[in-house]
Amino acid sequence: MFHILVADPISDEGLDVLLASENVVTKDTELTPDELENRIAQFDALLVRSQTKVTRSVIEKAENLKIIGRAGVGVDNIDLEAATEHGIIVVNAPNGNTNSAAEHTMAMIMALSRKIPQAHLALKNQKWERSKYVGVEVKNKTLGVVGLGRIGTEVAYRAKGQRMNVIAYDPFLTEEKAEKMGIQYGTFADVLKEADYITVHTPLMKETRHMISTDAFRQMKDGVYIVNCARGGIIDEDALYDALVSGKVAGAAIDVLEEEPFQDHKLLNLPEVIATPHLGASTVEAQENVAIDVSQDVLNHLTGDLVKNPVNMPSVPSDVLSQIEPYFHLAEKLGTFLIYLTADVPEEVTIYYSGELSDIQAAPITRNAVKGLLRRHLGSHVNDVNALYLAEKKGVTINESRTSTTKGFTNLMTVEVKTKSGVRSVSGTLLNGLGARIVRVDHYSVDVMPEGHIVVIHHQDLPGVIGKMGSLLAEHAINIATMQVDRSNIGGDAIMILTIDKYPEQYEIETLKQLEEISDVTAVDL
């Protein structure tokens, strides 16, 4: 018999699987942080939503805790590092709100098109103004979906049911996959240019923050409609306001804002804007579904079965962990570095383990490499446990290969990505006393610490190139910390890898590309 604490309000219907078991379920949703710390030692499992903060201090006092369940998607309120250190598995419910969020998006699209909220408010104010609220039909209009994950995919299918044309952009979407779905494959620029409606369904991270900006609005059709039921911050709200005022954007439907809750938000003062207070997952069914999913995972773990939605890495025997843990950081950095260099959709990833690495338990290292590859596009919810699952869902094949050949290194790890346009690879090693190093990029030999801001420049091996490049960076007040150069042959193709003191702006990268000797420039943020 196990003791389970439910510390946040969760419906009994969602907890049925636990309540029907022989375990002791205690519901106490009014615990203060101190009270939680004082009582946690007696429990084997803890269920929370977003209200309860599961801090390191709580976890360190949880002598018997085996699993923490989050009835929802985000786990920002749980110290994952502390949980992993103490061998406590954390699970969440990433799929329970998919239908709810997709339906809310479609409801917002329809309400925006037919001006339903505005007309309703007018009637409530005793005004009959039929001619003022003439709407538009969505049939035969083009919906642009930015981000084709669980929710974005469901929105695309529902839009097709409304006889809309759908064009989608996702870093892992291929033309073949789009064809199977019956939608049009597009780049981000294609979506901006062709869509009558644009809905965003990406995680919020550095690469997606304000991805719908002033420049993006300039590329859109006049009279476009904008929908955000994903995360506040994906759309630059100031830029959206200006686009609405100018008439570039005909209307916007907003479920999320950068600041929540807010006071007197200027977007909500515009008649073309309809909004809801972050209701995407707020349905009875969604709340019950996430509770059911996480309750089942908690019960599975307590009874020795596998869990479906682990968030942190399962515990590894200490002797094995001490051997492989130093490579976790290197693996993730190699994956992240490589995905910056990969322009096309990854189709196959192979991790090569050489020398001492050929004999160790490599699965956790592989997960870290795949995590680094995926996180740039999928966000921080990608972790050591779900990385391989997410790669499979995105159609990316993951392979491992082992060899005793090290090419001069005691240990060598190579991550290789195959795309339609070719193969890119990066190799790294751990040097005694010096730590992680990138030692090869494609066929070029280098020696780069995988940290900070890096610029990778492909150029011709000609006199003066380095000087020109240095002068241009100086004009933009970008200081070079280190430089590595290698070439295929005299006067042929060459690579230059710089570590710099600040991450360059896109226009600064474009300035470097204008040099005739330079063929490609990529900024990498590690």
Protein backbone atom coordinates (compact mmCIF):
# COMPACT_ATOMS: atom_id res chain seq x y z
CA MET A 1 0.00 0.00 0.00
CA PHE A 2 1.34 3.42 -1.00
CA HIS A 3 0.50 6.86 0.34
CA ILE A 4 -0.36 9.46 -2.30
CA LEU A 5 -0.75 13.19 -1.69
CA VAL A 6 -2.93 15.32 -3.99
CA ALA A 7 -1.79 18.87 -3.23
CA ASP A 8 -3.77 20.82 -5.85
CA PRO A 9 -7.46 20.77 -6.84
CA ILE A 10 -7.98 17.75 -9.13
CA SER A 11 -11.41 16.29 -9.84
CA ASP A 12 -12.38 12.96 -8.28
CA GLU A 13 -13.29 11.75 -11.79
CA GLY A 14 -9.69 12.29 -12.83
CA LEU A 15 -8.44 10.54 -9.71
CA ASP A 16 -10.74 7.52 -10.08
CA VAL A 17 -7.90 5.17 -11.01
CA LEU A 18 -6.08 6.06 -7.78
CA LEU A 19 -9.16 6.19 -5.56
CA ALA A 20 -10.18 2.73 -6.76
CA SER A 21 -6.80 1.25 -5.86
CA GLU A 22 -5.81 -0.07 -2.45
CA ASN A 23 -3.53 2.89 -1.88
CA VAL A 24 -4.17 5.71 0.57
CA VAL A 25 -5.02 8.96 -1.26
CA THR A 26 -4.88 12.16 0.78
CA LYS A 27 -6.32 15.34 -0.73
CA ASP A 28 -5.02 18.50 0.94
CA THR A 29 -5.03 21.50 -1.38
CA GLU A 30 -4.45 24.16 1.26
CA LEU A 31 -0.92 23.25 2.37
CA THR A 32 1.52 26.09 2.89
CA PRO A 33 5.10 25.54 1.62
CA ASP A 34 6.26 24.86 5.18
CA GLU A 35 3.43 22.40 5.79
CA LEU A 36 4.25 20.56 2.56
CA GLU A 37 7.90 20.24 3.61
CA ASN A 38 6.90 18.95 7.05
CA ARG A 39 4.49 16.32 5.70
CA ILE A 40 6.07 15.16 2.44
CA ALA A 41 8.26 12.47 4.07
CA GLN A 42 5.26 10.20 4.67
CA PHE A 43 4.19 10.06 1.01
CA ASP A 44 5.27 7.82 -1.87
CA ALA A 45 3.68 9.94 -4.62
CA LEU A 46 2.72 13.58 -5.09
CA LEU A 47 0.17 14.99 -7.56
CA VAL A 48 0.10 18.71 -8.36
CA ARG A 49 -1.12 21.12 -10.97
CA SER A 50 0.50 24.58 -11.24
CA GLN A 51 -0.31 25.92 -7.77
CA THR A 52 2.04 23.86 -5.59
CA LYS A 53 5.77 24.56 -5.89
CA VAL A 54 7.81 21.38 -5.59
CA THR A 55 11.14 22.93 -4.65
CA ARG A 56 14.51 21.37 -3.92
CA SER A 57 13.81 21.87 -0.24
CA VAL A 58 10.60 19.85 -0.51
CA ILE A 59 12.32 17.10 -2.48
CA GLU A 60 15.21 16.84 -0.03
CA LYS A 61 12.70 16.14 2.75
CA ALA A 62 10.77 13.60 0.65
CA GLU A 63 12.39 10.48 2.09
CA ASN A 64 9.92 8.03 0.53
CA LEU A 65 8.82 9.94 -2.57
CA LYS A 66 9.06 7.88 -5.75
CA ILE A 67 7.12 9.91 -8.30
CA ILE A 68 5.71 13.42 -8.85
CA GLY A 69 2.77 13.78 -11.23
CA ARG A 70 1.91 17.10 -12.89
CA ALA A 71 -1.71 17.17 -14.11
CA GLY A 72 -0.90 19.34 -17.11
CA VAL A 73 1.91 20.04 -19.56
CA GLY A 74 4.38 22.49 -18.01
CA VAL A 75 6.61 21.47 -15.11
CA ASP A 76 8.03 24.90 -14.26
CA ASN A 77 6.81 24.48 -10.67
CA ILE A 78 8.87 21.32 -10.14
CA ASP A 79 12.64 21.25 -9.58
CA LEU A 80 13.49 18.58 -12.16
CA GLU A 81 17.19 18.57 -11.39
CA ALA A 82 16.58 17.94 -7.71
CA ALA A 83 14.04 15.23 -8.49
CA THR A 84 16.44 13.46 -10.83
CA GLU A 85 19.28 13.69 -8.30
CA HIS A 86 17.08 12.00 -5.70
CA GLY A 87 15.87 9.28 -8.08
CA ILE A 88 12.31 10.64 -8.22
CA ILE A 89 10.61 10.32 -11.58
CA VAL A 90 8.43 13.21 -12.78
CA VAL A 91 5.53 12.64 -15.18
CA ASN A 92 3.12 15.02 -16.86
CA ALA A 93 0.14 14.84 -19.22
CA PRO A 94 1.13 16.38 -22.57
CA ASN A 95 -1.78 15.03 -24.62
CA GLY A 96 -4.82 15.63 -22.43
CA ASN A 97 -5.48 19.18 -23.61
CA THR A 98 -4.77 18.70 -27.34
CA ASN A 99 -8.39 18.50 -28.43
CA SER A 100 -9.43 21.35 -26.14
CA ALA A 101 -6.74 23.69 -27.47
CA ALA A 102 -7.45 22.81 -31.10
CA GLU A 103 -11.19 23.36 -30.67
CA HIS A 104 -10.57 26.70 -28.95
CA THR A 105 -8.39 27.79 -31.86
CA MET A 106 -11.11 26.94 -34.38
CA ALA A 107 -13.74 28.65 -32.23
CA MET A 108 -11.60 31.79 -32.20
CA ILE A 109 -11.17 31.66 -35.97
CA MET A 110 -14.92 31.38 -36.51
CA ALA A 111 -15.78 34.04 -33.94
CA LEU A 112 -13.22 36.39 -35.44
CA SER A 113 -14.54 35.84 -38.97
CA ARG A 114 -18.17 36.44 -38.05
CA LYS A 115 -17.53 39.14 -35.41
CA ILE A 116 -19.60 37.19 -32.94
CA PRO A 117 -18.22 38.72 -29.72
CA GLN A 118 -18.67 42.27 -31.00
CA ALA A 119 -22.22 41.62 -32.20
CA HIS A 120 -23.10 39.89 -28.93
CA LEU A 121 -21.81 42.84 -26.91
CA ALA A 122 -23.81 45.27 -29.05
CA LEU A 123 -27.00 43.29 -28.44
CA LYS A 124 -26.27 43.17 -24.72
CA ASN A 125 -26.08 46.96 -24.89
CA GLN A 126 -29.51 47.04 -26.58
CA LYS A 127 -28.10 47.87 -30.05
CA TRP A 128 -29.37 46.18 -33.23
CA GLU A 129 -26.58 46.80 -35.79
CA ARG A 130 -26.70 44.06 -38.43
CA SER A 131 -24.89 46.03 -41.13
CA LYS A 132 -22.02 46.87 -38.78
CA TYR A 133 -21.08 43.25 -38.15
CA VAL A 134 -20.89 41.76 -41.63
CA GLY A 135 -18.38 38.90 -41.47
CA VAL A 136 -16.41 36.76 -43.89
CA GLU A 137 -16.57 33.04 -44.71
CA VAL A 138 -13.61 30.77 -44.04
CA LYS A 139 -14.47 28.38 -46.91
CA ASN A 140 -11.73 28.46 -49.60
CA LYS A 141 -9.60 30.77 -47.47
CA THR A 142 -6.02 29.74 -46.70
CA LEU A 143 -5.04 29.01 -43.12
CA GLY A 144 -1.34 29.26 -42.37
CA VAL A 145 -0.28 27.04 -39.45
CA VAL A 146 3.07 27.91 -37.88
CA GLY A 147 4.12 24.87 -35.84
CA LEU A 148 2.70 21.45 -36.68
CA GLY A 149 2.95 19.62 -33.38
CA ARG A 150 0.07 17.89 -31.60
CA ILE A 151 -2.19 20.94 -31.50
CA GLY A 152 -1.15 22.47 -34.80
CA THR A 153 -1.84 19.17 -36.56
CA GLU A 154 -5.33 18.93 -35.04
CA VAL A 155 -6.06 22.51 -36.08
CA ALA A 156 -4.97 21.72 -39.64
CA TYR A 157 -7.34 18.73 -39.83
CA ARG A 158 -10.24 20.75 -38.43
CA ALA A 159 -9.60 23.59 -40.87
CA LYS A 160 -9.76 21.14 -43.76
CA GLY A 161 -13.15 20.10 -42.39
CA GLN A 162 -14.23 23.72 -42.78
CA ARG A 163 -13.10 23.51 -46.44
CA MET A 164 -10.15 25.78 -45.84
CA ASN A 165 -6.89 25.40 -47.70
CA VAL A 166 -4.01 24.78 -45.27
CA ILE A 167 -0.36 25.70 -45.66
CA ALA A 168 1.95 24.82 -42.79
CA TYR A 169 5.50 25.48 -41.65
CA ASP A 170 7.34 23.36 -39.12
CA PRO A 171 11.10 22.72 -38.89
CA PHE A 172 10.40 18.97 -39.06
CA LEU A 173 7.72 19.01 -41.74
CA THR A 174 8.65 17.42 -45.07
CA GLU A 175 6.85 17.72 -48.38
CA GLU A 176 6.00 14.00 -48.22
CA LYS A 177 4.44 14.33 -44.77
CA ALA A 178 2.45 17.39 -45.86
CA GLU A 179 1.19 15.51 -48.89
CA LYS A 180 -0.01 12.62 -46.71
CA MET A 181 -1.89 15.09 -44.53
CA GLY A 182 -3.48 16.74 -47.54
CA ILE A 183 -1.97 20.14 -46.79
CA GLN A 184 0.53 22.39 -48.53
CA TYR A 185 4.18 22.38 -47.42
CA GLY A 186 5.70 25.82 -46.98
CA THR A 187 8.54 27.78 -45.52
CA PHE A 188 7.84 30.37 -42.85
CA ALA A 189 8.01 33.04 -45.56
CA ASP A 190 5.54 31.05 -47.72
CA VAL A 191 3.03 30.94 -44.87
CA LEU A 192 3.32 34.67 -44.26
CA LYS A 193 2.87 35.44 -47.95
CA GLU A 194 0.02 33.09 -48.84
CA ALA A 195 -2.22 32.81 -45.76
CA ASP A 196 -5.50 34.66 -45.20
CA TYR A 197 -5.44 33.48 -41.57
CA ILE A 198 -2.31 32.73 -39.55
CA THR A 199 -2.36 30.69 -36.34
CA VAL A 200 0.75 29.96 -34.27
CA HIS A 201 1.35 26.70 -32.38
CA THR A 202 5.01 26.73 -31.39
CA PRO A 203 6.64 26.63 -27.97
CA LEU A 204 7.93 29.96 -26.66
CA MET A 205 11.73 30.11 -26.69
CA LYS A 206 14.44 32.43 -27.92
CA GLU A 207 14.02 31.40 -31.56
CA THR A 208 10.23 31.85 -31.55
CA ARG A 209 9.91 34.91 -29.33
CA HIS A 210 8.41 37.70 -31.48
CA MET A 211 8.74 35.54 -34.60
CA ILE A 212 5.58 37.35 -35.78
CA SER A 213 7.10 40.82 -35.83
CA THR A 214 6.93 44.04 -37.82
CA ASP A 215 8.98 42.44 -40.59
CA ALA A 216 6.67 39.41 -40.65
CA PHE A 217 3.57 41.61 -40.90
CA ARG A 218 5.09 43.40 -43.91
CA GLN A 219 5.25 40.07 -45.75
CA MET A 220 1.59 39.20 -45.10
CA LYS A 221 -1.44 39.86 -47.24
CA ASP A 222 -3.42 43.01 -46.57
CA GLY A 223 -6.44 42.13 -44.43
CA VAL A 224 -4.91 39.02 -42.85
CA TYR A 225 -6.36 37.57 -39.62
CA ILE A 226 -4.04 36.58 -36.75
CA VAL A 227 -4.73 33.93 -34.07
CA ASN A 228 -2.63 33.08 -31.02
CA CYS A 229 -3.87 30.34 -28.69
CA ALA A 230 -0.36 29.03 -27.99
CA ARG A 231 1.98 31.21 -25.92
CA GLY A 232 2.17 34.91 -25.22
CA GLY A 233 5.35 36.35 -26.70
CA ILE A 234 5.34 34.48 -30.02
CA ILE A 235 3.67 37.55 -31.51
CA ASP A 236 5.19 40.98 -30.92
CA GLU A 237 2.17 42.71 -29.39
CA ASP A 238 3.37 46.23 -30.25
CA ALA A 239 3.85 45.20 -33.87
CA LEU A 240 0.40 43.55 -33.91
CA TYR A 241 -1.16 46.71 -32.49
CA ASP A 242 0.43 48.84 -35.22
CA ALA A 243 -0.62 46.37 -37.93
CA LEU A 244 -4.22 46.44 -36.68
CA VAL A 245 -4.33 50.23 -36.49
CA SER A 246 -2.91 50.55 -40.00
CA GLY A 247 -5.42 48.04 -41.40
CA LYS A 248 -2.75 45.56 -42.50
CA VAL A 249 -4.33 43.06 -40.11
CA ALA A 250 -8.12 42.88 -40.33
CA GLY A 251 -8.57 41.21 -36.96
CA ALA A 252 -6.86 39.26 -34.23
CA ALA A 253 -8.00 36.53 -31.82
CA ILE A 254 -5.86 36.31 -28.71
CA ASP A 255 -6.04 33.72 -25.92
CA VAL A 256 -2.57 34.40 -24.47
CA LEU A 257 -0.59 37.54 -23.69
CA GLU A 258 3.00 38.25 -22.69
CA GLU A 259 1.87 39.58 -19.31
CA GLU A 260 -0.83 37.58 -17.56
CA PRO A 261 -2.90 38.75 -15.84
CA PHE A 262 -2.73 42.28 -17.29
CA GLN A 263 -4.00 45.76 -16.61
CA ASP A 264 -5.50 47.90 -19.40
CA HIS A 265 -3.85 46.14 -22.34
CA LYS A 266 -3.93 48.37 -25.42
CA LEU A 267 -4.73 45.50 -27.82
CA LEU A 268 -8.01 44.91 -26.03
CA ASN A 269 -9.07 48.48 -26.66
CA LEU A 270 -9.22 47.81 -30.41
CA PRO A 271 -12.59 46.72 -31.83
CA GLU A 272 -10.87 44.35 -34.28
CA VAL A 273 -9.51 42.22 -31.42
CA ILE A 274 -11.34 39.42 -29.65
CA ALA A 275 -9.76 37.78 -26.63
CA THR A 276 -10.18 35.12 -23.95
CA PRO A 277 -8.26 34.77 -20.66
CA HIS A 278 -6.01 31.79 -21.49
CA LEU A 279 -8.84 29.30 -21.90
CA GLY A 280 -7.21 26.95 -24.43
CA ALA A 281 -7.10 24.01 -22.03
CA SER A 282 -10.01 25.09 -19.87
CA THR A 283 -12.62 22.46 -20.55
CA VAL A 284 -14.08 19.89 -18.19
CA GLU A 285 -12.85 17.12 -20.46
CA ALA A 286 -9.29 18.47 -20.72
CA GLN A 287 -8.94 18.89 -16.99
CA GLU A 288 -10.23 15.38 -16.43
CA ASN A 289 -8.05 13.92 -19.19
CA VAL A 290 -4.80 15.32 -17.81
CA ALA A 291 -5.76 14.10 -14.33
CA ILE A 292 -6.58 10.62 -15.68
CA ASP A 293 -3.33 10.41 -17.65
CA VAL A 294 -1.09 11.48 -14.79
CA SER A 295 -2.98 9.33 -12.24
CA GLN A 296 -2.49 6.25 -14.41
CA ASP A 297 1.23 6.99 -14.77
CA VAL A 298 1.59 7.41 -11.00
CA LEU A 299 -0.15 4.10 -10.39
CA ASN A 300 1.91 2.37 -13.09
CA HIS A 301 5.16 3.51 -11.53
CA LEU A 302 4.17 2.53 -8.01
CA THR A 303 3.22 -0.95 -9.20
CA GLY A 304 6.37 -1.46 -11.28
CA ASP A 305 4.93 -0.83 -14.75
CA LEU A 306 6.29 1.58 -17.36
CA VAL A 307 5.07 5.18 -17.44
CA LYS A 308 3.95 6.85 -20.65
CA ASN A 309 4.99 10.46 -20.08
CA PRO A 310 8.22 10.74 -18.07
CA VAL A 311 9.75 14.21 -17.95
CA ASN A 312 13.12 13.61 -16.31
CA MET A 313 15.69 10.89 -16.85
CA PRO A 314 15.09 7.62 -15.01
CA SER A 315 17.73 6.80 -12.43
CA VAL A 316 20.86 5.00 -13.66
CA PRO A 317 23.08 2.80 -11.43
CA SER A 318 25.59 5.08 -9.75
CA ASP A 319 28.66 3.27 -11.09
CA VAL A 320 27.36 3.54 -14.67
CA LEU A 321 26.22 7.13 -14.19
CA SER A 322 29.64 8.25 -12.95
CA GLN A 323 31.19 6.81 -16.11
CA ILE A 324 28.82 8.33 -18.66
CA GLU A 325 27.66 11.56 -17.03
CA PRO A 326 30.69 13.62 -18.16
CA TYR A 327 29.57 13.01 -21.76
CA PHE A 328 26.00 14.30 -21.29
CA HIS A 329 27.03 17.93 -21.68
CA LEU A 330 29.23 17.22 -24.70
CA ALA A 331 26.50 15.21 -26.42
CA GLU A 332 23.85 17.89 -25.99
CA LYS A 333 26.20 20.63 -27.22
CA LEU A 334 27.17 18.61 -30.30
CA GLY A 335 23.50 18.10 -31.14
CA THR A 336 22.68 21.76 -30.67
CA PHE A 337 25.69 22.92 -32.68
CA LEU A 338 24.81 20.60 -35.55
CA ILE A 339 21.17 21.58 -35.84
CA TYR A 340 22.22 25.20 -36.37
CA LEU A 341 24.24 24.05 -39.39
CA THR A 342 21.41 21.92 -40.79
CA ALA A 343 19.12 23.90 -43.04
CA ASP A 344 16.84 21.07 -44.20
CA VAL A 345 14.55 18.75 -42.24
CA PRO A 346 16.59 16.04 -40.45
CA GLU A 347 15.67 12.59 -41.73
CA GLU A 348 18.26 10.39 -40.04
CA VAL A 349 20.64 10.94 -37.13
CA THR A 350 23.57 8.65 -36.36
CA ILE A 351 25.74 8.93 -33.27
CA TYR A 352 29.15 7.29 -33.60
CA TYR A 353 30.98 6.20 -30.42
CA SER A 354 34.73 5.61 -30.77
CA GLY A 355 37.55 4.46 -28.52
CA GLU A 356 36.64 4.26 -24.84
CA LEU A 357 33.08 5.26 -25.69
CA SER A 358 32.54 2.10 -27.76
CA ASP A 359 32.20 -0.04 -24.62
CA ILE A 360 29.99 2.10 -22.38
CA GLN A 361 26.21 2.25 -21.91
CA ALA A 362 25.54 4.93 -24.50
CA ALA A 363 21.73 5.17 -24.52
CA PRO A 364 21.57 8.10 -22.04
CA ILE A 365 24.30 9.91 -24.02
CA THR A 366 22.36 9.40 -27.25
CA ARG A 367 19.25 10.87 -25.63
CA ASN A 368 21.22 13.99 -24.70
CA ALA A 369 22.50 14.38 -28.26
CA VAL A 370 18.98 14.04 -29.68
CA LYS A 371 17.70 16.45 -27.04
CA GLY A 372 20.21 19.04 -28.24
CA LEU A 373 19.12 18.48 -31.84
CA LEU A 374 15.42 18.90 -31.10
CA ARG A 375 15.35 21.64 -28.49
CA ARG A 376 16.15 24.50 -30.84
CA HIS A 377 12.87 23.95 -32.68
CA LEU A 378 10.70 22.17 -30.10
CA GLY A 379 11.66 24.03 -26.92
CA SER A 380 12.71 23.18 -23.41
CA HIS A 381 10.04 20.50 -22.90
CA VAL A 382 12.34 18.15 -24.83
CA ASN A 383 14.29 16.20 -22.22
CA ASP A 384 16.51 13.14 -21.80
CA VAL A 385 13.58 10.77 -21.60
CA ASN A 386 11.18 12.00 -24.27
CA ALA A 387 13.80 13.03 -26.86
CA LEU A 388 13.80 9.70 -28.72
CA TYR A 389 10.00 9.51 -28.60
CA LEU A 390 9.65 13.01 -30.05
CA ALA A 391 12.23 12.25 -32.74
CA GLU A 392 10.20 9.21 -33.77
CA LYS A 393 7.01 11.27 -33.86
CA LYS A 394 8.76 13.78 -36.13
CA GLY A 395 9.88 11.00 -38.46
CA VAL A 396 13.58 11.22 -37.57
CA THR A 397 15.44 7.88 -37.45
CA ILE A 398 18.03 7.59 -34.67
CA ASN A 399 21.00 5.19 -35.03
CA GLU A 400 24.02 4.30 -32.91
CA SER A 401 27.34 3.00 -34.22
CA ARG A 402 30.44 1.86 -32.33
CA THR A 403 34.05 1.50 -33.43
CA SER A 404 37.39 1.13 -31.71
CA THR A 405 39.00 3.53 -34.21
CA THR A 406 39.47 6.96 -32.62
CA LYS A 407 41.53 8.88 -35.21
CA GLY A 408 43.96 10.16 -32.61
CA PHE A 409 41.57 10.60 -29.68
CA THR A 410 41.09 8.44 -26.60
CA ASN A 411 37.34 9.04 -26.86
CA LEU A 412 35.48 10.50 -29.79
CA MET A 413 31.78 11.13 -30.36
CA THR A 414 30.38 12.11 -33.75
CA VAL A 415 26.84 13.24 -34.46
CA GLU A 416 25.78 13.01 -38.10
CA VAL A 417 22.56 14.31 -39.66
CA LYS A 418 21.25 13.27 -43.05
CA THR A 419 18.84 15.49 -44.97
CA LYS A 420 17.68 15.63 -48.55
CA SER A 421 20.47 18.07 -49.37
CA GLY A 422 23.28 16.02 -47.86
CA VAL A 423 25.09 15.01 -44.70
CA ARG A 424 26.49 17.25 -41.95
CA SER A 425 28.50 16.09 -38.95
CA VAL A 426 30.30 17.35 -35.88
CA SER A 427 32.71 15.48 -33.61
CA GLY A 428 33.72 16.12 -30.02
CA THR A 429 35.84 14.72 -27.24
CA LEU A 430 36.66 15.23 -23.59
CA LEU A 431 40.27 16.34 -23.06
CA ASN A 432 41.88 15.73 -19.70
CA GLY A 433 42.04 19.01 -17.82
CA LEU A 434 40.40 20.95 -20.65
CA GLY A 435 36.89 19.50 -20.76
CA ALA A 436 34.60 19.29 -23.81
CA ARG A 437 35.91 20.22 -27.24
CA ILE A 438 34.50 20.26 -30.77
CA VAL A 439 37.33 18.77 -32.83
CA ARG A 440 35.78 18.31 -36.26
CA VAL A 441 33.07 20.02 -38.30
CA ASP A 442 32.28 17.97 -41.38
CA HIS A 443 35.77 17.17 -42.74
CA TYR A 444 37.50 20.16 -41.14
CA SER A 445 39.68 19.80 -38.04
CA VAL A 446 39.14 22.44 -35.33
CA ASP A 447 39.48 22.92 -31.59
CA VAL A 448 36.49 24.80 -30.22
CA MET A 449 35.00 24.95 -26.73
CA PRO A 450 31.24 24.29 -27.14
CA GLU A 451 30.08 27.30 -25.15
CA GLY A 452 28.77 30.80 -25.76
CA HIS A 453 28.29 32.64 -29.05
CA ILE A 454 29.89 31.08 -32.13
CA VAL A 455 29.98 32.06 -35.80
CA VAL A 456 30.76 29.42 -38.44
CA ILE A 457 31.99 30.88 -41.73
CA HIS A 458 32.57 28.91 -44.94
CA HIS A 459 34.83 30.80 -47.31
CA GLN A 460 37.53 30.56 -49.97
CA ASP A 461 41.09 30.17 -48.75
CA LEU A 462 42.34 33.48 -50.14
CA PRO A 463 44.60 36.19 -48.70
CA GLY A 464 42.78 38.99 -46.89
CA VAL A 465 39.54 37.17 -46.09
CA ILE A 466 40.21 37.03 -42.36
CA GLY A 467 41.12 40.72 -42.31
CA LYS A 468 37.96 41.77 -44.16
CA MET A 469 35.81 39.69 -41.86
CA GLY A 470 37.50 41.09 -38.75
CA SER A 471 37.00 44.65 -39.96
CA LEU A 472 33.30 44.11 -40.59
CA LEU A 473 32.81 42.64 -37.13
CA ALA A 474 34.68 45.57 -35.61
CA GLU A 475 32.35 47.99 -37.39
CA HIS A 476 29.48 46.33 -35.51
CA ALA A 477 31.37 46.36 -32.20
CA ILE A 478 31.61 42.56 -32.14
CA ASN A 479 34.73 41.37 -30.36
CA ILE A 480 36.40 38.10 -31.36
CA ALA A 481 37.42 35.91 -28.44
CA THR A 482 38.90 32.94 -30.32
CA MET A 483 39.40 31.89 -33.95
CA GLN A 484 39.88 28.49 -35.59
CA VAL A 485 40.65 28.06 -39.30
CA ASP A 486 41.05 24.96 -41.48
CA ARG A 487 41.01 24.36 -45.23
CA SER A 488 40.49 21.50 -47.65
CA ASN A 489 43.43 22.59 -49.82
CA ILE A 490 45.41 25.72 -50.66
CA GLY A 491 43.07 28.24 -52.26
CA GLY A 492 40.09 25.92 -51.89
CA ASP A 493 37.17 25.72 -49.48
CA ALA A 494 37.89 26.68 -45.89
CA ILE A 495 36.12 27.09 -42.56
CA MET A 496 36.52 29.75 -39.92
CA ILE A 497 34.96 29.31 -36.47
CA LEU A 498 34.84 32.33 -34.19
CA THR A 499 33.73 32.67 -30.60
CA ILE A 500 32.47 36.20 -30.01
CA ASP A 501 31.32 38.25 -27.05
CA LYS A 502 27.72 38.81 -28.14
CA TYR A 503 25.23 36.97 -30.30
CA PRO A 504 25.05 38.74 -33.69
CA GLU A 505 21.89 40.25 -35.09
CA GLN A 506 20.59 38.87 -38.38
CA TYR A 507 21.51 42.02 -40.30
CA GLU A 508 25.09 41.65 -39.05
CA ILE A 509 25.19 38.10 -40.38
CA GLU A 510 23.85 39.33 -43.72
CA THR A 511 26.63 41.93 -43.83
CA LEU A 512 29.26 39.19 -43.56
CA LYS A 513 27.56 37.18 -46.30
CA GLN A 514 28.02 40.09 -48.68
CA LEU A 515 31.78 39.46 -48.87
CA GLU A 516 32.34 37.69 -52.19
CA GLU A 517 34.83 35.21 -50.71
CA ILE A 518 32.29 34.00 -48.12
CA SER A 519 29.79 31.32 -49.14
CA ASP A 520 27.88 30.86 -45.88
CA VAL A 521 27.66 32.29 -42.36
CA THR A 522 25.85 30.63 -39.45
CA ALA A 523 25.46 32.03 -35.94
CA VAL A 524 25.32 29.39 -33.20
CA ASP A 525 24.23 30.03 -29.62
CA LEU A 526 25.46 27.45 -27.13
